[in-house]
Amino acid sequence: MKLTFAPNPVIGQHWVNVLAAAGIECELHNRYLNGALGEIPADQCAPELWLVDERDEALARRILAAAQSGPPPGAMPWRCGACGEMLEAQFTACWRCGAWRETN
């Protein structure tokens, strides 16, 4: 089931990764069609995210909406529980050791 279009292949792959981290399987289609733009209509060249299981649609839409909006204003930095590194609020994994942010 087609979930959404991505503005470009890089963001599309990022969204695939965000959903995969939440346990939602999806595929990125049309990732190589940018070169055909002009020969093929623009609306048919955009990268598309397709869900493997359509039952994941509601959760996938909520996760992508949260990923697109970023952290709420004034969100505090967090300390990695594994290595102690301080990270800005928008990061969900530690850049230093790769550990995921703990949720309370």
PDB file of N, CA and C in Angstrom:
ATOM      1  N   MET A   1       0.838  -1.177   0.000  1.00  0.00           N
ATOM      2  CA  MET A   1       0.000   0.000   0.000  1.00  0.00           C
ATOM      3  C   MET A   1       0.884   1.242   0.000  1.00  0.00           C
ATOM      4  N   LYS A   2       0.621   2.173  -0.918  1.00  0.00           N
ATOM      5  CA  LYS A   2       1.412   3.402  -0.976  1.00  0.00           C
ATOM      6  C   LYS A   2       1.057   4.294   0.213  1.00  0.00           C
ATOM      7  N   LEU A   3       2.076   4.687   0.964  1.00  0.00           N
ATOM      8  CA  LEU A   3       1.878   5.525   2.144  1.00  0.00           C
ATOM      9  C   LEU A   3       1.982   7.000   1.792  1.00  0.00           C
ATOM     10  N   THR A   4       3.063   7.379   1.108  1.00  0.00           N
ATOM     11  CA  THR A   4       3.279   8.789   0.799  1.00  0.00           C
ATOM     12  C   THR A   4       4.375   8.946  -0.242  1.00  0.00           C
ATOM     13  N   PHE A   5       4.505  10.160  -0.750  1.00  0.00           N
ATOM     14  CA  PHE A   5       5.620  10.550  -1.609  1.00  0.00           C
ATOM     15  C   PHE A   5       6.699  11.174  -0.731  1.00  0.00           C
ATOM     16  N   ALA A   6       7.931  11.076  -1.141  1.00  0.00           N
ATOM     17  CA  ALA A   6       9.037  11.757  -0.467  1.00  0.00           C
ATOM     18  C   ALA A   6       9.541  12.861  -1.386  1.00  0.00           C
ATOM     19  N   PRO A   7      10.040  13.956  -0.832  1.00  0.00           N
ATOM     20  CA  PRO A   7      10.518  15.038  -1.694  1.00  0.00           C
ATOM     21  C   PRO A   7      11.768  14.681  -2.496  1.00  0.00           C
ATOM     22  N   ASN A   8      12.547  13.727  -1.984  1.00  0.00           N
ATOM     23  CA  ASN A   8      13.737  13.274  -2.705  1.00  0.00           C
ATOM     24  C   ASN A   8      14.147  11.912  -2.151  1.00  0.00           C
ATOM     25  N   PRO A   9      15.039  11.197  -2.845  1.00  0.00           N
ATOM     26  CA  PRO A   9      15.405   9.848  -2.394  1.00  0.00           C
ATOM     27  C   PRO A   9      16.097   9.798  -1.030  1.00  0.00           C
ATOM     28  N   VAL A  10      16.851  10.828  -0.694  1.00  0.00           N
ATOM     29  CA  VAL A  10      17.557  10.834   0.595  1.00  0.00           C
ATOM     30  C   VAL A  10      16.556  10.893   1.750  1.00  0.00           C
ATOM     31  N   ILE A  11      15.606  11.804   1.663  1.00  0.00           N
ATOM     32  CA  ILE A  11      14.581  11.895   2.708  1.00  0.00           C
ATOM     33  C   ILE A  11      13.726  10.640   2.702  1.00  0.00           C
ATOM     34  N   GLY A  12      13.407  10.123   1.533  1.00  0.00           N
ATOM     35  CA  GLY A  12      12.638   8.880   1.454  1.00  0.00           C
ATOM     36  C   GLY A  12      13.331   7.746   2.183  1.00  0.00           C
ATOM     37  N   GLN A  13      14.637   7.594   1.981  1.00  0.00           N
ATOM     38  CA  GLN A  13      15.374   6.538   2.678  1.00  0.00           C
ATOM     39  C   GLN A  13      15.427   6.793   4.177  1.00  0.00           C
ATOM     40  N   HIS A  14      15.540   8.050   4.565  1.00  0.00           N
ATOM     41  CA  HIS A  14      15.509   8.386   5.990  1.00  0.00           C
ATOM     42  C   HIS A  14      14.184   7.953   6.611  1.00  0.00           C
ATOM     43  N   TRP A  15      13.086   8.229   5.918  1.00  0.00           N
ATOM     44  CA  TRP A  15      11.769   7.826   6.434  1.00  0.00           C
ATOM     45  C   TRP A  15      11.661   6.303   6.525  1.00  0.00           C
ATOM     46  N   VAL A  16      12.214   5.600   5.544  1.00  0.00           N
ATOM     47  CA  VAL A  16      12.236   4.134   5.606  1.00  0.00           C
ATOM     48  C   VAL A  16      12.970   3.686   6.869  1.00  0.00           C
ATOM     49  N   ASN A  17      14.107   4.311   7.146  1.00  0.00           N
ATOM     50  CA  ASN A  17      14.894   3.965   8.329  1.00  0.00           C
ATOM     51  C   ASN A  17      14.143   4.280   9.620  1.00  0.00           C
ATOM     52  N   VAL A  18      13.466   5.426   9.671  1.00  0.00           N
ATOM     53  CA  VAL A  18      12.691   5.808  10.864  1.00  0.00           C
ATOM     54  C   VAL A  18      11.595   4.775  11.115  1.00  0.00           C
ATOM     55  N   LEU A  19      10.894   4.384  10.058  1.00  0.00           N
ATOM     56  CA  LEU A  19       9.825   3.389  10.216  1.00  0.00           C
ATOM     57  C   LEU A  19      10.391   2.024  10.589  1.00  0.00           C
ATOM     58  N   ALA A  20      11.521   1.644  10.002  1.00  0.00           N
ATOM     59  CA  ALA A  20      12.138   0.359  10.330  1.00  0.00           C
ATOM     60  C   ALA A  20      12.547   0.315  11.795  1.00  0.00           C
ATOM     61  N   ALA A  21      13.037   1.430  12.334  1.00  0.00           N
ATOM     62  CA  ALA A  21      13.412   1.485  13.751  1.00  0.00           C
ATOM     63  C   ALA A  21      12.205   1.271  14.655  1.00  0.00           C
ATOM     64  N   ALA A  22      11.015   1.603  14.145  1.00  0.00           N
ATOM     65  CA  ALA A  22       9.774   1.389  14.903  1.00  0.00           C
ATOM     66  C   ALA A  22       9.156   0.028  14.613  1.00  0.00           C
ATOM     67  N   GLY A  23       9.834  -0.789  13.806  1.00  0.00           N
ATOM     68  CA  GLY A  23       9.327  -2.126  13.499  1.00  0.00           C
ATOM     69  C   GLY A  23       8.322  -2.174  12.370  1.00  0.00           C
ATOM     70  N   ILE A  24       8.273  -1.115  11.557  1.00  0.00           N
ATOM     71  CA  ILE A  24       7.330  -1.061  10.438  1.00  0.00           C
ATOM     72  C   ILE A  24       8.101  -1.276   9.140  1.00  0.00           C
ATOM     73  N   GLU A  25       7.751  -2.334   8.416  1.00  0.00           N
ATOM     74  CA  GLU A  25       8.423  -2.627   7.151  1.00  0.00           C
ATOM     75  C   GLU A  25       7.822  -1.795   6.033  1.00  0.00           C
ATOM     76  N   CYS A  26       8.689  -1.172   5.244  1.00  0.00           N
ATOM     77  CA  CYS A  26       8.231  -0.448   4.064  1.00  0.00           C
ATOM     78  C   CYS A  26       9.329  -0.475   3.023  1.00  0.00           C
ATOM     79  N   GLU A  27       8.970  -0.094   1.818  1.00  0.00           N
ATOM     80  CA  GLU A  27       9.893  -0.089   0.688  1.00  0.00           C
ATOM     81  C   GLU A  27       9.880   1.286   0.040  1.00  0.00           C
ATOM     82  N   LEU A  28      11.028   1.682  -0.485  1.00  0.00           N
ATOM     83  CA  LEU A  28      11.131   2.937  -1.217  1.00  0.00           C
ATOM     84  C   LEU A  28      11.129   2.623  -2.707  1.00  0.00           C
ATOM     85  N   HIS A  29      10.093   3.073  -3.401  1.00  0.00           N
ATOM     86  CA  HIS A  29       9.972   2.860  -4.843  1.00  0.00           C
ATOM     87  C   HIS A  29      10.352   4.144  -5.583  1.00  0.00           C
ATOM     88  N   ASN A  30      10.726   4.004  -6.833  1.00  0.00           N
ATOM     89  CA  ASN A  30      11.057   5.130  -7.731  1.00  0.00           C
ATOM     90  C   ASN A  30      12.302   5.887  -7.293  1.00  0.00           C
ATOM     91  N   ARG A  31      13.193   5.261  -6.572  1.00  0.00           N
ATOM     92  CA  ARG A  31      14.367   5.975  -6.067  1.00  0.00           C
ATOM     93  C   ARG A  31      15.315   6.396  -7.184  1.00  0.00           C
ATOM     94  N   TYR A  32      15.253   5.758  -8.343  1.00  0.00           N
ATOM     95  CA  TYR A  32      16.196   6.065  -9.421  1.00  0.00           C
ATOM     96  C   TYR A  32      15.548   6.778 -10.609  1.00  0.00           C
ATOM     97  N   LEU A  33      14.336   7.247 -10.462  1.00  0.00           N
ATOM     98  CA  LEU A  33      13.645   7.862 -11.597  1.00  0.00           C
ATOM     99  C   LEU A  33      13.907   9.354 -11.761  1.00  0.00           C
ATOM    100  N   ASN A  34      14.655   9.991 -10.865  1.00  0.00           N
ATOM    101  CA  ASN A  34      14.931  11.423 -11.017  1.00  0.00           C
ATOM    102  C   ASN A  34      15.565  11.728 -12.368  1.00  0.00           C
ATOM    103  N   GLY A  35      16.404  10.823 -12.865  1.00  0.00           N
ATOM    104  CA  GLY A  35      17.057  11.031 -14.149  1.00  0.00           C
ATOM    105  C   GLY A  35      16.100  11.005 -15.329  1.00  0.00           C
ATOM    106  N   ALA A  36      14.914  10.462 -15.125  1.00  0.00           N
ATOM    107  CA  ALA A  36      13.929  10.386 -16.202  1.00  0.00           C
ATOM    108  C   ALA A  36      12.956  11.566 -16.189  1.00  0.00           C
ATOM    109  N   LEU A  37      13.140  12.470 -15.241  1.00  0.00           N
ATOM    110  CA  LEU A  37      12.258  13.629 -15.150  1.00  0.00           C
ATOM    111  C   LEU A  37      12.310  14.420 -16.451  1.00  0.00           C
ATOM    112  N   GLY A  38      11.188  14.703 -17.004  1.00  0.00           N
ATOM    113  CA  GLY A  38      11.090  15.355 -18.305  1.00  0.00           C
ATOM    114  C   GLY A  38      10.607  14.378 -19.351  1.00  0.00           C
ATOM    115  N   GLU A  39      11.153  13.168 -19.316  1.00  0.00           N
ATOM    116  CA  GLU A  39      10.680  12.099 -20.196  1.00  0.00           C
ATOM    117  C   GLU A  39       9.441  11.433 -19.592  1.00  0.00           C
ATOM    118  N   ILE A  40       9.420  11.412 -18.263  1.00  0.00           N
ATOM    119  CA  ILE A  40       8.294  10.849 -17.510  1.00  0.00           C
ATOM    120  C   ILE A  40       7.712  11.994 -16.687  1.00  0.00           C
ATOM    121  N   PRO A  41       6.386  12.103 -16.556  1.00  0.00           N
ATOM    122  CA  PRO A  41       5.790  13.185 -15.758  1.00  0.00           C
ATOM    123  C   PRO A  41       6.338  13.212 -14.330  1.00  0.00           C
ATOM    124  N   ALA A  42       6.495  14.427 -13.777  1.00  0.00           N
ATOM    125  CA  ALA A  42       7.089  14.617 -12.451  1.00  0.00           C
ATOM    126  C   ALA A  42       6.368  13.820 -11.372  1.00  0.00           C
ATOM    127  N   ASP A  43       5.047  13.737 -11.445  1.00  0.00           N
ATOM    128  CA  ASP A  43       4.303  13.023 -10.405  1.00  0.00           C
ATOM    129  C   ASP A  43       4.548  11.514 -10.445  1.00  0.00           C
ATOM    130  N   GLN A  44       5.136  11.022 -11.512  1.00  0.00           N
ATOM    131  CA  GLN A  44       5.449   9.595 -11.597  1.00  0.00           C
ATOM    132  C   GLN A  44       6.918   9.301 -11.278  1.00  0.00           C
ATOM    133  N   CYS A  45       7.710  10.351 -11.055  1.00  0.00           N
ATOM    134  CA  CYS A  45       9.135  10.188 -10.753  1.00  0.00           C
ATOM    135  C   CYS A  45       9.450  10.310  -9.263  1.00  0.00           C
ATOM    136  N   ALA A  46       8.525  10.815  -8.477  1.00  0.00           N
ATOM    137  CA  ALA A  46       8.794  11.055  -7.055  1.00  0.00           C
ATOM    138  C   ALA A  46       8.990   9.741  -6.308  1.00  0.00           C
ATOM    139  N   PRO A  47       9.932   9.703  -5.370  1.00  0.00           N
ATOM    140  CA  PRO A  47      10.098   8.514  -4.538  1.00  0.00           C
ATOM    141  C   PRO A  47       8.824   8.269  -3.722  1.00  0.00           C
ATOM    142  N   GLU A  48       8.441   7.004  -3.604  1.00  0.00           N
ATOM    143  CA  GLU A  48       7.220   6.639  -2.886  1.00  0.00           C
ATOM    144  C   GLU A  48       7.548   5.645  -1.778  1.00  0.00           C
ATOM    145  N   LEU A  49       6.924   5.818  -0.622  1.00  0.00           N
ATOM    146  CA  LEU A  49       7.035   4.847   0.462  1.00  0.00           C
ATOM    147  C   LEU A  49       5.820   3.937   0.403  1.00  0.00           C
ATOM    148  N   TRP A  50       6.088   2.641   0.351  1.00  0.00           N
ATOM    149  CA  TRP A  50       5.039   1.627   0.304  1.00  0.00           C
ATOM    150  C   TRP A  50       5.145   0.746   1.548  1.00  0.00           C
ATOM    151  N   LEU A  51       4.049   0.584   2.255  1.00  0.00           N
ATOM    152  CA  LEU A  51       4.009  -0.292   3.420  1.00  0.00           C
ATOM    153  C   LEU A  51       3.893  -1.740   2.991  1.00  0.00           C
ATOM    154  N   VAL A  52       4.590  -2.631   3.692  1.00  0.00           N
ATOM    155  CA  VAL A  52       4.473  -4.056   3.448  1.00  0.00           C
ATOM    156  C   VAL A  52       3.143  -4.557   4.006  1.00  0.00           C
ATOM    157  N   ASP A  53       2.740  -4.022   5.169  1.00  0.00           N
ATOM    158  CA  ASP A  53       1.493  -4.428   5.814  1.00  0.00           C
ATOM    159  C   ASP A  53       0.613  -3.196   6.003  1.00  0.00           C
ATOM    160  N   GLU A  54      -0.495  -3.125   5.299  1.00  0.00           N
ATOM    161  CA  GLU A  54      -1.355  -1.940   5.357  1.00  0.00           C
ATOM    162  C   GLU A  54      -1.933  -1.694   6.743  1.00  0.00           C
ATOM    163  N   ARG A  55      -1.896  -2.691   7.629  1.00  0.00           N
ATOM    164  CA  ARG A  55      -2.384  -2.491   8.998  1.00  0.00           C
ATOM    165  C   ARG A  55      -1.494  -1.530   9.785  1.00  0.00           C
ATOM    166  N   ASP A  56      -0.301  -1.256   9.279  1.00  0.00           N
ATOM    167  CA  ASP A  56       0.627  -0.332   9.936  1.00  0.00           C
ATOM    168  C   ASP A  56       0.394   1.124   9.544  1.00  0.00           C
ATOM    169  N   GLU A  57      -0.596   1.388   8.701  1.00  0.00           N
ATOM    170  CA  GLU A  57      -0.764   2.731   8.142  1.00  0.00           C
ATOM    171  C   GLU A  57      -0.922   3.824   9.199  1.00  0.00           C
ATOM    172  N   ALA A  58      -1.825   3.662  10.138  1.00  0.00           N
ATOM    173  CA  ALA A  58      -2.085   4.719  11.123  1.00  0.00           C
ATOM    174  C   ALA A  58      -0.832   5.015  11.943  1.00  0.00           C
ATOM    175  N   LEU A  59      -0.168   3.982  12.417  1.00  0.00           N
ATOM    176  CA  LEU A  59       1.047   4.178  13.204  1.00  0.00           C
ATOM    177  C   LEU A  59       2.151   4.799  12.358  1.00  0.00           C
ATOM    178  N   ALA A  60       2.305   4.343  11.131  1.00  0.00           N
ATOM    179  CA  ALA A  60       3.339   4.888  10.239  1.00  0.00           C
ATOM    180  C   ALA A  60       3.109   6.376   9.987  1.00  0.00           C
ATOM    181  N   ARG A  61       1.881   6.770   9.786  1.00  0.00           N
ATOM    182  CA  ARG A  61       1.580   8.196   9.551  1.00  0.00           C
ATOM    183  C   ARG A  61       1.912   9.034  10.783  1.00  0.00           C
ATOM    184  N   ARG A  62       1.604   8.522  11.975  1.00  0.00           N
ATOM    185  CA  ARG A  62       1.930   9.253  13.207  1.00  0.00           C
ATOM    186  C   ARG A  62       3.443   9.379  13.386  1.00  0.00           C
ATOM    187  N   ILE A  63       4.173   8.317  13.105  1.00  0.00           N
ATOM    188  CA  ILE A  63       5.631   8.333  13.246  1.00  0.00           C
ATOM    189  C   ILE A  63       6.259   9.314  12.259  1.00  0.00           C
ATOM    190  N   LEU A  64       5.800   9.302  11.016  1.00  0.00           N
ATOM    191  CA  LEU A  64       6.355  10.237  10.028  1.00  0.00           C
ATOM    192  C   LEU A  64       6.014  11.682  10.374  1.00  0.00           C
ATOM    193  N   ALA A  65       4.815  11.922  10.881  1.00  0.00           N
ATOM    194  CA  ALA A  65       4.437  13.285  11.278  1.00  0.00           C
ATOM    195  C   ALA A  65       5.351  13.777  12.400  1.00  0.00           C
ATOM    196  N   ALA A  66       5.645  12.902  13.365  1.00  0.00           N
ATOM    197  CA  ALA A  66       6.536  13.278  14.464  1.00  0.00           C
ATOM    198  C   ALA A  66       7.954  13.504  13.942  1.00  0.00           C
ATOM    199  N   ALA A  67       8.402  12.674  13.013  1.00  0.00           N
ATOM    200  CA  ALA A  67       9.750  12.814  12.457  1.00  0.00           C
ATOM    201  C   ALA A  67       9.888  14.109  11.664  1.00  0.00           C
ATOM    202  N   GLN A  68       8.835  14.519  10.991  1.00  0.00           N
ATOM    203  CA  GLN A  68       8.881  15.728  10.181  1.00  0.00           C
ATOM    204  C   GLN A  68       8.806  16.985  11.031  1.00  0.00           C
ATOM    205  N   SER A  69       8.156  16.908  12.188  1.00  0.00           N
ATOM    206  CA  SER A  69       8.001  18.104  13.015  1.00  0.00           C
ATOM    207  C   SER A  69       9.183  18.333  13.948  1.00  0.00           C
ATOM    208  N   GLY A  70       9.960  17.276  14.228  1.00  0.00           N
ATOM    209  CA  GLY A  70      11.118  17.422  15.103  1.00  0.00           C
ATOM    210  C   GLY A  70      10.699  17.538  16.559  1.00  0.00           C
ATOM    211  N   PRO A  71      11.663  17.843  17.431  1.00  0.00           N
ATOM    212  CA  PRO A  71      11.340  17.932  18.855  1.00  0.00           C
ATOM    213  C   PRO A  71      10.492  19.171  19.143  1.00  0.00           C
ATOM    214  N   PRO A  72       9.726  19.137  20.215  1.00  0.00           N
ATOM    215  CA  PRO A  72       8.926  20.315  20.567  1.00  0.00           C
ATOM    216  C   PRO A  72       9.828  21.486  20.950  1.00  0.00           C
ATOM    217  N   PRO A  73       9.351  22.708  20.805  1.00  0.00           N
ATOM    218  CA  PRO A  73      10.160  23.867  21.188  1.00  0.00           C
ATOM    219  C   PRO A  73      10.592  23.758  22.655  1.00  0.00           C
ATOM    220  N   GLY A  74      11.825  24.078  22.914  1.00  0.00           N
ATOM    221  CA  GLY A  74      12.344  24.054  24.273  1.00  0.00           C
ATOM    222  C   GLY A  74      12.723  22.680  24.786  1.00  0.00           C
ATOM    223  N   ALA A  75      12.714  21.662  23.904  1.00  0.00           N
ATOM    224  CA  ALA A  75      13.080  20.309  24.334  1.00  0.00           C
ATOM    225  C   ALA A  75      14.522  20.306  24.831  1.00  0.00           C
ATOM    226  N   MET A  76      14.737  19.600  25.896  1.00  0.00           N
ATOM    227  CA  MET A  76      16.047  19.589  26.558  1.00  0.00           C
ATOM    228  C   MET A  76      16.992  18.567  25.915  1.00  0.00           C
ATOM    229  N   PRO A  77      18.286  18.862  25.934  1.00  0.00           N
ATOM    230  CA  PRO A  77      19.274  17.860  25.512  1.00  0.00           C
ATOM    231  C   PRO A  77      19.182  16.638  26.428  1.00  0.00           C
ATOM    232  N   TRP A  78      19.763  15.537  25.989  1.00  0.00           N
ATOM    233  CA  TRP A  78      19.729  14.320  26.801  1.00  0.00           C
ATOM    234  C   TRP A  78      21.111  13.703  26.885  1.00  0.00           C
ATOM    235  N   ARG A  79      21.344  12.939  27.931  1.00  0.00           N
ATOM    236  CA  ARG A  79      22.626  12.274  28.143  1.00  0.00           C
ATOM    237  C   ARG A  79      22.474  10.794  27.791  1.00  0.00           C
ATOM    238  N   CYS A  80      23.397  10.285  26.969  1.00  0.00           N
ATOM    239  CA  CYS A  80      23.381   8.878  26.586  1.00  0.00           C
ATOM    240  C   CYS A  80      23.624   8.018  27.820  1.00  0.00           C
ATOM    241  N   GLY A  81      22.751   7.048  28.041  1.00  0.00           N
ATOM    242  CA  GLY A  81      22.886   6.148  29.172  1.00  0.00           C
ATOM    243  C   GLY A  81      24.039   5.177  29.027  1.00  0.00           C
ATOM    244  N   ALA A  82      24.527   4.977  27.806  1.00  0.00           N
ATOM    245  CA  ALA A  82      25.605   4.020  27.574  1.00  0.00           C
ATOM    246  C   ALA A  82      26.994   4.642  27.715  1.00  0.00           C
ATOM    247  N   CYS A  83      27.189   5.847  27.129  1.00  0.00           N
ATOM    248  CA  CYS A  83      28.540   6.429  27.131  1.00  0.00           C
ATOM    249  C   CYS A  83      28.625   7.788  27.819  1.00  0.00           C
ATOM    250  N   GLY A  84      27.478   8.384  28.160  1.00  0.00           N
ATOM    251  CA  GLY A  84      27.474   9.664  28.864  1.00  0.00           C
ATOM    252  C   GLY A  84      27.537  10.896  27.986  1.00  0.00           C
ATOM    253  N   GLU A  85      27.557  10.744  26.686  1.00  0.00           N
ATOM    254  CA  GLU A  85      27.619  11.877  25.756  1.00  0.00           C
ATOM    255  C   GLU A  85      26.349  12.715  25.869  1.00  0.00           C
ATOM    256  N   MET A  86      26.480  14.049  25.824  1.00  0.00           N
ATOM    257  CA  MET A  86      25.316  14.944  25.801  1.00  0.00           C
ATOM    258  C   MET A  86      24.906  15.165  24.345  1.00  0.00           C
ATOM    259  N   LEU A  87      23.602  15.040  24.083  1.00  0.00           N
ATOM    260  CA  LEU A  87      23.086  15.160  22.711  1.00  0.00           C
ATOM    261  C   LEU A  87      21.906  16.113  22.678  1.00  0.00           C
ATOM    262  N   GLU A  88      21.752  16.789  21.550  1.00  0.00           N
ATOM    263  CA  GLU A  88      20.615  17.688  21.363  1.00  0.00           C
ATOM    264  C   GLU A  88      19.324  16.879  21.268  1.00  0.00           C
ATOM    265  N   ALA A  89      18.203  17.525  21.543  1.00  0.00           N
ATOM    266  CA  ALA A  89      16.911  16.852  21.636  1.00  0.00           C
ATOM    267  C   ALA A  89      16.483  16.144  20.355  1.00  0.00           C
ATOM    268  N   GLN A  90      16.899  16.648  19.185  1.00  0.00           N
ATOM    269  CA  GLN A  90      16.429  16.061  17.931  1.00  0.00           C
ATOM    270  C   GLN A  90      17.035  14.698  17.637  1.00  0.00           C
ATOM    271  N   PHE A  91      18.098  14.323  18.334  1.00  0.00           N
ATOM    272  CA  PHE A  91      18.747  13.043  18.078  1.00  0.00           C
ATOM    273  C   PHE A  91      18.087  11.928  18.882  1.00  0.00           C
ATOM    274  N   THR A  92      17.809  10.818  18.220  1.00  0.00           N
ATOM    275  CA  THR A  92      17.191   9.677  18.894  1.00  0.00           C
ATOM    276  C   THR A  92      18.193   8.579  19.199  1.00  0.00           C
ATOM    277  N   ALA A  93      19.396   8.712  18.650  1.00  0.00           N
ATOM    278  CA  ALA A  93      20.472   7.761  18.921  1.00  0.00           C
ATOM    279  C   ALA A  93      21.754   8.543  19.146  1.00  0.00           C
ATOM    280  N   CYS A  94      22.629   7.984  19.956  1.00  0.00           N
ATOM    281  CA  CYS A  94      23.899   8.636  20.273  1.00  0.00           C
ATOM    282  C   CYS A  94      24.833   8.572  19.074  1.00  0.00           C
ATOM    283  N   TRP A  95      25.402   9.700  18.692  1.00  0.00           N
ATOM    284  CA  TRP A  95      26.333   9.736  17.560  1.00  0.00           C
ATOM    285  C   TRP A  95      27.649   9.059  17.914  1.00  0.00           C
ATOM    286  N   ARG A  96      27.957   9.011  19.202  1.00  0.00           N
ATOM    287  CA  ARG A  96      29.239   8.475  19.630  1.00  0.00           C
ATOM    288  C   ARG A  96      29.258   6.947  19.699  1.00  0.00           C
ATOM    289  N   CYS A  97      28.212   6.368  20.329  1.00  0.00           N
ATOM    290  CA  CYS A  97      28.231   4.910  20.532  1.00  0.00           C
ATOM    291  C   CYS A  97      27.083   4.177  19.840  1.00  0.00           C
ATOM    292  N   GLY A  98      26.095   4.934  19.317  1.00  0.00           N
ATOM    293  CA  GLY A  98      24.992   4.315  18.595  1.00  0.00           C
ATOM    294  C   GLY A  98      23.841   3.839  19.457  1.00  0.00           C
ATOM    295  N   ALA A  99      23.929   4.044  20.787  1.00  0.00           N
ATOM    296  CA  ALA A  99      22.834   3.600  21.671  1.00  0.00           C
ATOM    297  C   ALA A  99      21.597   4.474  21.437  1.00  0.00           C
ATOM    298  N   TRP A 100      20.424   3.861  21.517  1.00  0.00           N
ATOM    299  CA  TRP A 100      19.169   4.584  21.352  1.00  0.00           C
ATOM    300  C   TRP A 100      18.832   5.345  22.617  1.00  0.00           C
ATOM    301  N   ARG A 101      18.178   6.498  22.464  1.00  0.00           N
ATOM    302  CA  ARG A 101      17.732   7.272  23.612  1.00  0.00           C
ATOM    303  C   ARG A 101      16.716   6.474  24.395  1.00  0.00           C
ATOM    304  N   GLU A 102      16.860   6.470  25.699  1.00  0.00           N
ATOM    305  CA  GLU A 102      15.910   5.763  26.561  1.00  0.00           C
ATOM    306  C   GLU A 102      14.647   6.597  26.682  1.00  0.00           C
ATOM    307  N   THR A 103      13.497   5.939  26.593  1.00  0.00           N
ATOM    308  CA  THR A 103      12.226   6.646  26.766  1.00  0.00           C
ATOM    309  C   THR A 103      11.679   6.304  28.139  1.00  0.00           C
ATOM    310  N   ASN A 104      11.081   7.313  28.741  1.00  0.00           N
ATOM    311  CA  ASN A 104      10.545   7.115  30.106  1.00  0.00           C
ATOM    312  C   ASN A 104       9.102   6.718  30.065  1.00  0.00           C
TER     313      ASN A 104
END
